[in-house]
Structure formats: structure tokens, C-alpha cells
């Protein structure tokens, strides 16, 4: 059942409100309140009736009720002064006064289950001039769709649906409305001799603005290998692009309209700096999200990571460590098919428990689910370096960078490489990787001490002292003994790193 009023649709089965084909984020209680008013629009709904229906008769303060009513009005473009749709009748209650049409949906207003962003990958245009080459372009799209489908938080339209637009000049806004997607990935394939060039662009269907574009080329010698390589690059680039676009979307939302997904997105910029003060801000948002969705695996994963940051770089408090471990295990338990949750849970278990068997099992499962996840490769590189699997750590770090060279989280595989090269005695390579991590995330203190130690071992003492000074500016409480006590790896591996930092003159 759908209720349509003006340009707005309230889909009962999907529990979703949309306006002009675009979803409107609404907290579950606000949505229940709005739905109850619309269903009983033939009469005045008392406040006691709302409390019974929405809160199950629990005690609710007047301020809470007023806040939810105001949020319902904002969600549908109304307000307390105009009262164009929801009217307050003094000492009686509320009534929905807008004209409503009831219908059974012929197609979904949006197909974003749980507010996941949805994407359609259209058939790539064949620019080779030979219709016989269509198979290659179509195969490329099929592989990209398969790769994107492994990303748990992304809803991907099936090939059969998106290919319905093949050869038709259709505006992306129309596609967005008809398929119920927020993003459209378009592209083209051109073959010239033995060289194939593939171009792609990602478009926001709400604004028709491009949020990502790139092109790739390679030899046609092995068509399947080329498809695989291009698919890995496209998926690796598109995933962080979508993440950034969703973060910006959440920032534009009013706080009263946030649900668990939006709270989670708002937390990401703070969690992603990997520093404890920002983690404090992220934790507050993530805990609110978890209160709404207790089994939200991705939220458990980010909470685990934030508590790990607070523990290792915020004073080694045992309660914080316990929280990190608890959320890490919850992320793995709830996220058996969520590559991101598995990656974060595995990383934090590696950091907090040094249980490399469990950590690497989770990370390997993450990579099996989403082999294009630069995030998982980055965490895997770090844990494998701590575990002493240096060749594998370097391989995974390089893969993480190759998959997504413009991802803001590229500092993770770079840190993995810096650890691995330092432990292997390749101090030039360690300094290079640490320097790149610093450039990607200047506020993160870990690459600063890796850079300082690598420069010291190379005899570049003045540069090492500058890096150490910046480390202390970012993390004033840093001590070498605290780094050792963090217990991220065995004493034999951490000892040379600690010795280099002591020789620079960092506090013990």
C-alpha cells in the first residue's frame, strides 16, 4: 500500500517516505507517527492515541512528543505555523488534512532496503563502430555489477533491469525515478587494434551531477583478464566515491531527520581520522545509531575501530579496550556477509587481542566477499605486518593502493606497507610509504612515528626530529613505552622501532 499526497509517497510495505522520487530520511518513530495520522485522517488523533500506537503505551514526555510531531511535519514539508498537512486542534489532538490517494505500487518508489544507496550500471556504449563488439562491453558491465554486488551496504540493480535502457537516450533523473536508484554508472568501450579503452562516470540522479569519472585502457590479448582488471579498478574507485557522496548527503540532513544509517554516515568523517578526539565524536553518533539498530554490523565495526583508536592513542584504558573487543566480535558475528564489518572486526581483534588467527580469518572472509575492497586490503596489510607475514602484507598494501589510489582511506594500506618494510629493514621503502600515509591523513599520528623511525635508521636525523615533533603535536601523550605496551606485535618486532624512536629523543 502507498499513500500519495502531492509529490510525496509513503510506502507502507517498504516503510519509506519519498518526495519527487527521492527518499526522505525519517526516524522509525516519526515514520510510525506519520503513518498513524494518515491512516486515521478521517478523525482527530489524540495524543494518548499516538503514544499508544507509536510507543506502545510507554511514558513519553511532552517535549519528546512535540519533537517527533515537528520532525514529522518537517519530513513532509510542513511546519507548525502553516499546518498545511498536519493540523493541531487545541485540547483535542492532531489531524492529517492533506488530500491522500491510496494505491498499490506498480513499481518501487525506491529500492533502497534499509536506506542503502542504490545504483544502476547501464549498458556501456560500444564506440568501436562494430556491433559485433557489443559482447565485450556487455560482459564488462556484468562483471562490474557482480563486483558492486559484493559491497554489503550498496543495493545494485540487476543487469536485466538496467539494460532495458540500452541504446535509448534517457535522462538520468528519469532512470533514477523509474529504477528507484540514487546513482547511475554509465560508460563506453572503444577498441582500436589490440588496445581497449573503457571510460566510466558516476552520476547522482537527484542532481544530475557527476561525482566520479575515469578511464582505463589495456591490451586485448586476454579479454577475460582485461575485464577482470578493469572491473577491479572501477569497483575499487566507485566504492569510496559513493561513500564520500553519502557522507556529504548526510551532512546536509537536519539532525531531527536522521535514522541509524544517517547517524552512521555522519560518524564516518570523525572515525576515519583514526585519532581519539575525533573518535569520541564518532562514538556518540554511532551509539545513537546502535540504539536504533542493535544488530547493525557496520556500526559495531566502526565502534570497534573508534575504541581501538581511543585505547592505543588515548591512554591504554582497559575499559576502552574491552569495548573495542566487544564491538569487534559483535561486528563479526552480525556481519557474516558484510565485508566492511568483517574487515574492521578482524583488524581490531588483531590490534586488541593479537589473535591473528581469528583476525586474519575475518579479513580473508571480507576479501572473499568483496575482492575489490581497498579498506579490507589496507587493514589486512597492517595485521599481516604485525603478524610477521611481511611479503603478504606488502602484497596486500600494494593491492589496496592500486585498487583505489584516490581514496581518502589510502593511508591504511600505506601504514601497512610502512610497518612491513620497517620490520623487513627496508627503511627507504618504509619512509616512502609512511610519507604517503602522512600526506593522505596529516592528522594521524601512527605514520608520523613510522616516518620518524625510518628516517632515523636512514641517518636523516634532522628530518626524523621534525617528524617526531609533529608526532608530539598530534599526540601530546605519546611515549615509547606506551607504544610498546599497546602490544600490537611481538617484542622482537616492536623493539627496533622503539629503539629508533628513543634515539630520536622521544619520551620514554
Protein backbone atom coordinates (compact mmCIF):
# COMPACT_ATOMS: atom_id res chain seq x y z
CA UNK A 1 0.00 0.00 0.00
CA UNK A 2 1.16 3.52 -0.85
CA UNK A 3 -0.22 6.86 0.29
CA UNK A 4 0.42 9.68 -2.16
CA UNK A 5 -0.07 13.34 -1.22
CA UNK A 6 1.28 15.96 -3.61
CA UNK A 7 4.77 14.90 -4.77
CA UNK A 8 5.21 12.69 -1.73
CA UNK A 9 4.71 8.95 -1.38
CA UNK A 10 4.61 6.99 1.86
CA UNK A 11 5.26 3.34 1.04
CA UNK A 12 3.83 1.22 3.85
CA UNK A 13 5.49 -2.09 2.95
CA UNK A 14 8.93 -0.59 2.42
CA UNK A 15 8.47 1.85 5.31
CA UNK A 16 9.82 4.66 3.21
CA UNK A 17 8.88 8.26 2.50
CA UNK A 18 9.93 9.79 -0.82
CA UNK A 19 9.48 13.20 -2.40
CA UNK A 20 9.73 13.62 -6.17
CA UNK A 21 11.25 10.15 -6.41
CA UNK A 22 13.98 10.92 -3.86
CA UNK A 23 13.96 9.27 -0.43
CA UNK A 24 13.44 11.36 2.69
CA UNK A 25 15.27 10.07 5.77
CA UNK A 26 12.82 9.64 8.64
CA UNK A 27 13.38 8.13 12.08
CA UNK A 28 11.29 4.99 12.66
CA UNK A 29 9.15 6.58 15.39
CA UNK A 30 8.49 9.64 13.25
CA UNK A 31 7.52 7.41 10.33
CA UNK A 32 5.13 5.44 12.58
CA UNK A 33 3.60 8.68 13.84
CA UNK A 34 3.10 10.00 10.31
CA UNK A 35 1.65 6.71 9.11
CA UNK A 36 -0.81 6.61 12.01
CA UNK A 37 -2.03 10.14 11.27
CA UNK A 38 -2.53 9.38 7.58
CA UNK A 39 -4.31 6.10 8.23
CA UNK A 40 -6.72 7.86 10.62
CA UNK A 41 -7.08 11.10 8.67
CA UNK A 42 -10.87 10.82 8.91
CA UNK A 43 -10.75 11.81 12.57
CA UNK A 44 -8.81 13.70 15.22
CA UNK A 45 -6.00 11.60 16.69
CA UNK A 46 -5.43 12.25 20.39
CA UNK A 47 -2.00 12.41 21.96
CA UNK A 48 -2.83 9.35 24.05
CA UNK A 49 -3.69 7.52 20.85
CA UNK A 50 -0.31 8.44 19.35
CA UNK A 51 1.56 7.33 22.46
CA UNK A 52 -0.27 4.01 22.45
CA UNK A 53 0.28 3.41 18.74
CA UNK A 54 3.87 4.63 18.34
CA UNK A 55 5.39 3.97 21.76
CA UNK A 56 3.26 1.04 22.88
CA UNK A 57 1.79 2.94 25.81
CA UNK A 58 5.16 3.74 27.43
CA UNK A 59 5.54 7.02 29.30
CA UNK A 60 6.58 9.73 26.84
CA UNK A 61 7.32 13.31 27.80
CA UNK A 62 5.52 16.22 26.17
CA UNK A 63 8.81 17.51 24.78
CA UNK A 64 9.58 14.14 23.13
CA UNK A 65 6.14 14.00 21.57
CA UNK A 66 6.40 17.60 20.37
CA UNK A 67 9.82 16.92 18.87
CA UNK A 68 8.53 13.91 16.93
CA UNK A 69 5.48 15.84 15.67
CA UNK A 70 7.74 18.67 14.49
CA UNK A 71 10.03 16.12 12.79
CA UNK A 72 7.03 14.56 11.02
CA UNK A 73 5.98 17.98 9.76
CA UNK A 74 9.48 18.78 8.50
CA UNK A 75 9.74 15.42 6.75
CA UNK A 76 6.69 16.23 4.61
CA UNK A 77 7.47 19.92 4.06
CA UNK A 78 5.05 21.28 6.67
CA UNK A 79 5.60 23.31 9.82
CA UNK A 80 3.79 24.31 12.99
CA UNK A 81 2.85 27.74 11.66
CA UNK A 82 1.48 26.81 8.25
CA UNK A 83 -0.05 23.44 9.27
CA UNK A 84 -0.82 22.66 5.64
CA UNK A 85 -0.87 18.88 6.17
CA UNK A 86 -0.85 18.21 9.91
CA UNK A 87 -3.17 20.43 11.89
CA UNK A 88 -3.15 20.82 15.66
CA UNK A 89 -6.58 21.13 17.25
CA UNK A 90 -6.10 22.70 20.71
CA UNK A 91 -7.02 20.42 23.63
CA UNK A 92 -8.16 17.73 21.14
CA UNK A 93 -5.24 16.36 19.16
CA UNK A 94 -3.92 16.21 15.59
CA UNK A 95 -5.43 15.55 12.20
CA UNK A 96 -3.89 14.94 8.78
CA UNK A 97 -5.76 17.28 6.42
CA UNK A 98 -3.92 16.75 3.12
CA UNK A 99 -5.57 15.06 0.15
CA UNK A 100 -4.37 11.46 0.02
CA UNK A 101 -4.53 8.86 -2.76
CA UNK A 102 -4.18 5.19 -1.88
CA UNK A 103 -2.67 2.77 -4.37
CA UNK A 104 -0.78 -0.48 -4.73
CA UNK A 105 2.69 0.35 -6.04
CA UNK A 106 3.29 -0.77 -9.61
CA UNK A 107 6.99 -0.24 -9.03
CA UNK A 108 9.06 0.73 -6.00
CA UNK A 109 9.45 4.39 -5.20
CA UNK A 110 12.95 3.42 -4.14
CA UNK A 111 14.64 0.06 -3.88
CA UNK A 112 16.96 1.07 -1.08
CA UNK A 113 16.29 -1.51 1.59
CA UNK A 114 17.19 -0.08 4.97
CA UNK A 115 18.12 3.22 3.25
CA UNK A 116 21.07 1.65 1.43
CA UNK A 117 22.10 3.79 -1.54
CA UNK A 118 21.09 2.10 -4.79
CA UNK A 119 22.99 2.10 -8.08
CA UNK A 120 22.21 1.04 -11.63
CA UNK A 121 25.01 0.16 -14.04
CA UNK A 122 23.79 0.90 -17.54
CA UNK A 123 24.94 -0.92 -20.67
CA UNK A 124 28.24 0.63 -21.75
CA UNK A 125 28.21 2.29 -25.14
CA UNK A 126 30.19 0.49 -27.84
CA UNK A 127 32.27 3.17 -29.62
CA UNK A 128 34.20 0.73 -31.81
CA UNK A 129 31.83 1.05 -34.74
CA UNK A 130 31.34 -2.71 -34.91
CA UNK A 131 28.13 -4.07 -33.35
CA UNK A 132 29.88 -7.44 -33.01
CA UNK A 133 31.93 -5.88 -30.21
CA UNK A 134 28.84 -5.38 -28.03
CA UNK A 135 29.55 -8.63 -26.22
CA UNK A 136 32.71 -7.21 -24.70
CA UNK A 137 31.00 -4.08 -23.41
CA UNK A 138 28.09 -6.12 -22.05
CA UNK A 139 30.45 -8.57 -20.36
CA UNK A 140 32.33 -5.69 -18.77
CA UNK A 141 29.12 -4.32 -17.24
CA UNK A 142 28.10 -7.77 -15.98
CA UNK A 143 31.45 -8.08 -14.18
CA UNK A 144 31.14 -4.61 -12.66
CA UNK A 145 27.64 -5.39 -11.42
CA UNK A 146 28.92 -8.60 -9.83
CA UNK A 147 31.75 -6.72 -8.13
CA UNK A 148 29.49 -3.96 -6.82
CA UNK A 149 27.02 -6.56 -5.58
CA UNK A 150 29.62 -7.80 -3.12
CA UNK A 151 29.51 -4.47 -1.29
CA UNK A 152 27.05 -5.11 1.53
CA UNK A 153 25.91 -1.53 2.04
CA UNK A 154 25.16 -0.95 -1.64
CA UNK A 155 21.96 -2.02 -3.41
CA UNK A 156 22.73 -2.88 -7.05
CA UNK A 157 20.00 -3.10 -9.70
CA UNK A 158 20.07 -6.31 -11.72
CA UNK A 159 21.55 -6.35 -15.21
CA UNK A 160 18.21 -7.17 -16.81
CA UNK A 161 16.63 -4.04 -15.37
CA UNK A 162 19.45 -1.63 -16.14
CA UNK A 163 19.93 -3.00 -19.69
CA UNK A 164 16.36 -2.03 -20.52
CA UNK A 165 17.77 1.43 -21.31
CA UNK A 166 20.37 0.14 -23.75
CA UNK A 167 20.53 2.27 -26.87
CA UNK A 168 17.96 4.75 -25.55
CA UNK A 169 18.80 8.40 -24.77
CA UNK A 170 17.22 8.70 -21.31
CA UNK A 171 17.84 11.41 -18.71
CA UNK A 172 19.47 10.08 -15.54
CA UNK A 173 16.76 11.71 -13.43
CA UNK A 174 14.19 9.60 -15.27
CA UNK A 175 16.25 6.46 -14.69
CA UNK A 176 16.53 7.39 -11.03
CA UNK A 177 12.77 7.66 -10.69
CA UNK A 178 11.96 4.57 -12.74
CA UNK A 179 14.52 2.24 -11.19
CA UNK A 180 14.46 3.85 -7.75
CA UNK A 181 18.20 4.47 -7.67
CA UNK A 182 20.33 7.28 -6.32
CA UNK A 183 23.29 6.69 -8.64
CA UNK A 184 23.80 5.66 -12.26
CA UNK A 185 27.10 4.36 -13.61
CA UNK A 186 27.48 4.89 -17.35
CA UNK A 187 30.38 4.11 -19.61
CA UNK A 188 31.79 3.42 -23.04
CA UNK A 189 34.16 0.92 -24.63
CA UNK A 190 36.38 1.67 -27.63
CA UNK A 191 38.62 -0.87 -29.35
CA UNK A 192 41.48 0.23 -31.59
CA UNK A 193 43.59 -2.66 -32.78
CA UNK A 194 44.72 -4.57 -29.71
CA UNK A 195 44.04 -1.70 -27.30
CA UNK A 196 40.77 -1.30 -25.44
CA UNK A 197 39.79 1.91 -23.67
CA UNK A 198 36.97 1.94 -21.13
CA UNK A 199 35.52 5.17 -19.71
CA UNK A 200 33.04 5.44 -16.85
CA UNK A 201 31.18 8.14 -14.99
CA UNK A 202 29.01 8.07 -11.87
CA UNK A 203 26.04 10.43 -11.70
CA UNK A 204 23.78 11.45 -8.82
CA UNK A 205 20.23 11.06 -10.16
CA UNK A 206 18.82 13.69 -7.80
CA UNK A 207 21.02 16.48 -9.17
CA UNK A 208 22.35 15.01 -12.44
CA UNK A 209 25.81 15.99 -11.18
CA UNK A 210 28.84 13.83 -11.91
CA UNK A 211 30.52 12.58 -8.72
CA UNK A 212 33.24 10.44 -10.33
CA UNK A 213 34.73 9.80 -13.78
CA UNK A 214 37.79 7.95 -15.03
CA UNK A 215 39.09 5.87 -17.91
CA UNK A 216 41.21 2.75 -18.26
CA UNK A 217 42.95 1.06 -21.13
CA UNK A 218 44.87 -2.12 -21.80
CA UNK A 219 45.78 -4.78 -24.34
CA UNK A 220 43.15 -7.16 -25.63
CA UNK A 221 45.45 -10.21 -25.59
CA UNK A 222 43.44 -11.88 -22.86
CA UNK A 223 39.93 -10.50 -22.92
CA UNK A 224 38.90 -12.08 -19.63
CA UNK A 225 41.97 -10.88 -17.77
CA UNK A 226 41.35 -7.38 -19.10
CA UNK A 227 37.72 -7.50 -17.98
CA UNK A 228 38.82 -8.60 -14.51
CA UNK A 229 41.46 -5.89 -14.21
CA UNK A 230 39.19 -3.07 -15.33
CA UNK A 231 36.38 -4.32 -13.12
CA UNK A 232 38.67 -4.32 -10.07
CA UNK A 233 39.73 -0.73 -10.82
CA UNK A 234 36.18 0.50 -11.41
CA UNK A 235 34.76 -1.16 -8.31
CA UNK A 236 37.71 -0.04 -6.19
CA UNK A 237 37.24 3.56 -7.34
CA UNK A 238 33.46 3.69 -7.22
CA UNK A 239 33.06 2.33 -3.67
CA UNK A 240 34.93 5.16 -1.87
CA UNK A 241 33.37 7.69 -4.24
CA UNK A 242 29.94 6.52 -3.19
CA UNK A 243 30.98 6.59 0.45
CA UNK A 244 32.14 10.22 0.16
CA UNK A 245 28.96 11.22 -1.68
CA UNK A 246 26.83 9.61 1.02
CA UNK A 247 28.79 11.35 3.78
CA UNK A 248 28.16 14.72 2.11
CA UNK A 249 24.48 13.85 1.72
CA UNK A 250 24.22 13.05 5.43
CA UNK A 251 25.92 16.32 6.36
CA UNK A 252 23.16 18.23 4.59
CA UNK A 253 20.43 16.47 6.56
CA UNK A 254 18.78 18.10 9.56
CA UNK A 255 19.64 16.22 12.76
CA UNK A 256 15.97 15.58 13.57
CA UNK A 257 15.55 13.55 10.38
CA UNK A 258 18.43 11.15 10.96
CA UNK A 259 17.91 7.42 11.27
CA UNK A 260 20.54 4.83 12.12
CA UNK A 261 22.03 4.91 8.63
CA UNK A 262 22.37 8.68 8.62
CA UNK A 263 23.91 8.72 12.09
CA UNK A 264 26.39 6.12 10.88
CA UNK A 265 27.29 8.23 7.84
CA UNK A 266 27.72 11.34 9.95
CA UNK A 267 30.16 9.44 12.15
CA UNK A 268 32.41 8.31 9.31
CA UNK A 269 34.45 11.51 8.82
CA UNK A 270 35.31 11.53 12.53
CA UNK A 271 36.10 7.83 12.72
CA UNK A 272 38.23 7.97 9.58
CA UNK A 273 40.89 10.30 11.00
CA UNK A 274 41.94 7.42 13.29
CA UNK A 275 42.59 9.80 16.19
CA UNK A 276 40.99 9.60 19.66
CA UNK A 277 39.44 13.08 19.93
CA UNK A 278 37.58 12.63 16.66
CA UNK A 279 36.75 9.06 17.68
CA UNK A 280 34.98 10.47 20.75
CA UNK A 281 32.65 12.41 18.46
CA UNK A 282 32.10 9.39 16.24
CA UNK A 283 31.29 7.13 19.18
CA UNK A 284 28.47 9.39 20.31
CA UNK A 285 26.83 9.22 16.88
CA UNK A 286 27.46 5.50 16.47
CA UNK A 287 26.00 4.65 19.85
CA UNK A 288 22.84 6.53 18.90
CA UNK A 289 22.70 4.55 15.67
CA UNK A 290 23.18 1.30 17.57
CA UNK A 291 20.31 2.19 19.91
CA UNK A 292 18.07 2.29 16.85
CA UNK A 293 19.59 -0.78 15.15
CA UNK A 294 21.27 -3.05 17.76
CA UNK A 295 22.45 -5.59 15.16
CA UNK A 296 23.90 -3.05 12.71
CA UNK A 297 27.15 -4.84 11.85
CA UNK A 298 28.85 -1.87 10.20
CA UNK A 299 28.15 0.31 13.25
CA UNK A 300 29.68 -2.33 15.53
CA UNK A 301 32.69 -2.38 13.21
CA UNK A 302 33.22 1.36 13.36
CA UNK A 303 32.65 1.45 17.12
CA UNK A 304 35.31 -1.24 17.48
CA UNK A 305 37.72 0.80 15.38
CA UNK A 306 36.97 4.02 17.28
CA UNK A 307 37.55 2.36 20.65
CA UNK A 308 40.80 0.88 19.30
CA UNK A 309 41.91 4.42 18.42
CA UNK A 310 40.93 5.68 21.87
CA UNK A 311 42.79 2.84 23.55
CA UNK A 312 46.08 2.87 21.64
CA UNK A 313 46.37 6.64 21.27
CA UNK A 314 44.28 7.82 24.18
CA UNK A 315 45.82 6.33 27.32
CA UNK A 316 45.52 2.49 27.21
CA UNK A 317 42.37 2.43 29.33
CA UNK A 318 41.25 -1.17 29.87
CA UNK A 319 37.54 -0.35 29.70
CA UNK A 320 38.09 1.15 26.26
CA UNK A 321 39.98 -1.95 25.18
CA UNK A 322 37.14 -4.15 26.39
CA UNK A 323 34.65 -2.04 24.42
CA UNK A 324 36.78 -2.37 21.29
CA UNK A 325 36.93 -6.14 21.67
CA UNK A 326 33.21 -6.44 22.39
CA UNK A 327 32.18 -4.48 19.31
CA UNK A 328 34.76 -6.24 17.13
CA UNK A 329 33.32 -9.65 17.95
CA UNK A 330 29.78 -8.29 17.52
CA UNK A 331 30.71 -6.97 14.07
CA UNK A 332 31.99 -10.37 13.00
CA UNK A 333 29.01 -12.19 14.48
CA UNK A 334 26.41 -9.86 12.96
CA UNK A 335 28.27 -9.25 9.72
CA UNK A 336 28.87 -12.73 8.34
CA UNK A 337 28.10 -11.39 4.85
CA UNK A 338 29.25 -7.79 5.41
CA UNK A 339 32.78 -7.32 4.05
CA UNK A 340 33.33 -3.98 5.78
CA UNK A 341 32.21 -5.22 9.21
CA UNK A 342 34.39 -8.33 8.90
CA UNK A 343 37.42 -6.24 7.92
CA UNK A 344 37.04 -3.85 10.84
CA UNK A 345 36.27 -6.57 13.34
CA UNK A 346 39.28 -8.58 12.18
CA UNK A 347 41.61 -5.60 12.34
CA UNK A 348 40.53 -4.63 15.85
CA UNK A 349 40.86 -8.20 17.13
CA UNK A 350 44.37 -8.25 15.69
CA UNK A 351 45.18 -4.97 17.45
CA UNK A 352 43.45 -5.57 20.78
CA UNK A 353 43.90 -9.33 21.28
CA UNK A 354 46.79 -10.21 18.98
CA UNK A 355 44.66 -13.20 17.98
CA UNK A 356 45.97 -13.26 14.44
CA UNK A 357 44.21 -16.49 13.53
CA UNK A 358 40.76 -15.00 14.21
CA UNK A 359 41.75 -11.62 12.79
CA UNK A 360 43.08 -12.96 9.51
CA UNK A 361 40.17 -15.37 9.13
CA UNK A 362 37.76 -12.41 9.31
CA UNK A 363 39.89 -10.35 6.93
CA UNK A 364 40.16 -13.20 4.43
CA UNK A 365 36.40 -13.70 4.56
CA UNK A 366 35.99 -9.98 3.93
CA UNK A 367 38.21 -10.14 0.86
CA UNK A 368 36.38 -13.23 -0.39
CA UNK A 369 33.10 -11.31 -0.17
CA UNK A 370 34.47 -8.10 -1.68
CA UNK A 371 37.76 -8.66 -3.52
CA UNK A 372 37.75 -5.02 -4.62
CA UNK A 373 37.71 -3.56 -1.10
CA UNK A 374 40.69 -1.27 -0.64
CA UNK A 375 39.64 -0.87 3.01
CA UNK A 376 39.94 -4.62 3.66
CA UNK A 377 43.30 -4.82 1.87
CA UNK A 378 44.57 -1.91 3.98
CA UNK A 379 43.56 -3.46 7.31
CA UNK A 380 44.86 -6.82 6.12
CA UNK A 381 48.25 -5.32 5.28
CA UNK A 382 48.59 -3.86 8.79
CA UNK A 383 47.58 -7.05 10.62
CA UNK A 384 49.80 -9.24 8.43
CA UNK A 385 52.74 -6.93 9.09
CA UNK A 386 52.15 -7.20 12.85
CA UNK A 387 51.91 -10.98 12.43
CA UNK A 388 55.25 -11.09 10.62
CA UNK A 389 53.75 -12.11 7.26
CA UNK A 390 55.72 -9.35 5.59
CA UNK A 391 55.53 -10.46 1.94
CA UNK A 392 51.75 -10.88 2.16
CA UNK A 393 51.47 -7.54 3.99
CA UNK A 394 53.35 -5.78 1.20
CA UNK A 395 51.26 -7.50 -1.46
CA UNK A 396 48.01 -6.51 0.22
CA UNK A 397 49.18 -2.96 0.86
CA UNK A 398 50.12 -2.52 -2.78
CA UNK A 399 46.79 -4.01 -3.88
CA UNK A 400 44.89 -1.60 -1.63
CA UNK A 401 46.68 1.37 -3.21
CA UNK A 402 46.27 0.02 -6.73
CA UNK A 403 42.55 -0.52 -6.29
CA UNK A 404 41.77 2.96 -5.05
CA UNK A 405 44.58 5.48 -5.40
CA UNK A 406 42.30 8.46 -4.67
CA UNK A 407 40.51 7.01 -1.64
CA UNK A 408 40.92 9.21 1.47
CA UNK A 409 41.49 5.97 3.41
CA UNK A 410 44.55 5.14 1.32
CA UNK A 411 46.59 5.84 4.43
CA UNK A 412 45.61 2.39 5.75
CA UNK A 413 47.44 0.29 3.11
CA UNK A 414 50.30 2.82 3.26
CA UNK A 415 50.64 2.26 7.01
CA UNK A 416 50.61 -1.50 6.41
CA UNK A 417 53.42 -1.09 3.89
CA UNK A 418 55.40 1.16 6.25
CA UNK A 419 55.19 -1.41 9.08
CA UNK A 420 56.12 -4.29 6.78
CA UNK A 421 59.08 -2.51 5.17
CA UNK A 422 60.38 -1.27 8.53
CA UNK A 423 60.19 -4.74 10.07
CA UNK A 424 62.00 -6.07 6.97
CA UNK A 425 64.75 -3.46 7.30
CA UNK A 426 63.80 -1.69 4.04
CA UNK A 427 63.87 1.75 5.61
CA UNK A 428 63.77 3.74 2.34
CA UNK A 429 60.55 1.99 1.33
CA UNK A 430 59.18 2.35 4.87
CA UNK A 431 59.84 6.10 4.85
CA UNK A 432 58.21 6.45 1.42
CA UNK A 433 55.07 4.56 2.47
CA UNK A 434 54.83 6.45 5.77
CA UNK A 435 55.25 9.77 3.98
CA UNK A 436 52.41 8.90 1.62
CA UNK A 437 50.22 7.98 4.59
CA UNK A 438 51.03 11.33 6.21
CA UNK A 439 50.01 13.12 3.02
CA UNK A 440 46.70 11.23 2.89
CA UNK A 441 45.87 11.80 6.57
CA UNK A 442 48.04 14.55 8.11
CA UNK A 443 46.23 14.27 11.47
CA UNK A 444 47.07 10.59 12.02
CA UNK A 445 49.98 10.09 14.42
CA UNK A 446 50.93 6.47 13.56
CA UNK A 447 52.57 7.21 10.18
CA UNK A 448 54.44 10.05 11.91
CA UNK A 449 56.28 7.69 14.24
CA UNK A 450 56.85 5.21 11.41
CA UNK A 451 58.31 8.03 9.32
CA UNK A 452 60.44 9.33 12.18
CA UNK A 453 61.86 5.87 12.96
CA UNK A 454 62.56 5.11 9.28
CA UNK A 455 64.35 8.43 8.78
CA UNK A 456 66.42 7.85 11.92
CA UNK A 457 67.54 4.46 10.62
CA UNK A 458 68.50 6.11 7.33
CA UNK A 459 70.69 8.62 9.19
CA UNK A 460 68.44 11.56 8.29
CA UNK A 461 68.31 12.76 11.87
CA UNK A 462 67.11 16.32 11.33
CA UNK A 463 64.16 15.15 9.25
CA UNK A 464 63.47 12.46 11.84
CA UNK A 465 63.34 15.04 14.63
CA UNK A 466 60.89 17.18 12.61
CA UNK A 467 58.65 14.17 12.10
CA UNK A 468 58.88 13.37 15.83
CA UNK A 469 57.98 16.95 16.74
CA UNK A 470 54.88 16.75 14.56
CA UNK A 471 54.02 13.41 16.19
CA UNK A 472 54.09 15.03 19.65
CA UNK A 473 51.97 17.92 18.39
CA UNK A 474 49.31 15.50 17.16
CA UNK A 475 49.55 13.11 20.12
CA UNK A 476 50.98 15.01 23.11
CA UNK A 477 50.72 11.96 25.37
CA UNK A 478 52.81 9.72 23.15
CA UNK A 479 55.54 7.70 24.87
CA UNK A 480 57.72 4.92 23.54
CA UNK A 481 56.80 2.70 26.47
CA UNK A 482 53.13 3.33 25.69
CA UNK A 483 53.69 2.18 22.11
CA UNK A 484 55.34 -1.00 23.39
CA UNK A 485 52.58 -1.55 25.97
CA UNK A 486 49.99 -1.36 23.18
CA UNK A 487 51.12 -4.91 22.38
CA UNK A 488 50.28 -4.75 18.68
CA UNK A 489 53.06 -7.20 17.79
CA UNK A 490 55.66 -9.40 19.45
CA UNK A 491 58.53 -7.71 21.35
CA UNK A 492 61.11 -8.82 18.77
CA UNK A 493 59.40 -6.78 16.08
CA UNK A 494 58.49 -3.70 18.11
CA UNK A 495 61.93 -3.44 19.80
CA UNK A 496 63.84 -1.96 16.79
CA UNK A 497 61.03 0.53 16.20
CA UNK A 498 61.07 1.59 19.85
CA UNK A 499 64.86 1.86 19.84
CA UNK A 500 64.83 4.18 16.83
CA UNK A 501 62.23 6.43 18.46
CA UNK A 502 64.23 6.59 21.70
CA UNK A 503 67.35 7.56 19.77
CA UNK A 504 65.49 10.48 18.25
CA UNK A 505 64.75 11.66 21.79
CA UNK A 506 61.04 10.90 22.08
CA UNK A 507 59.84 10.49 25.68
CA UNK A 508 60.11 7.01 27.10
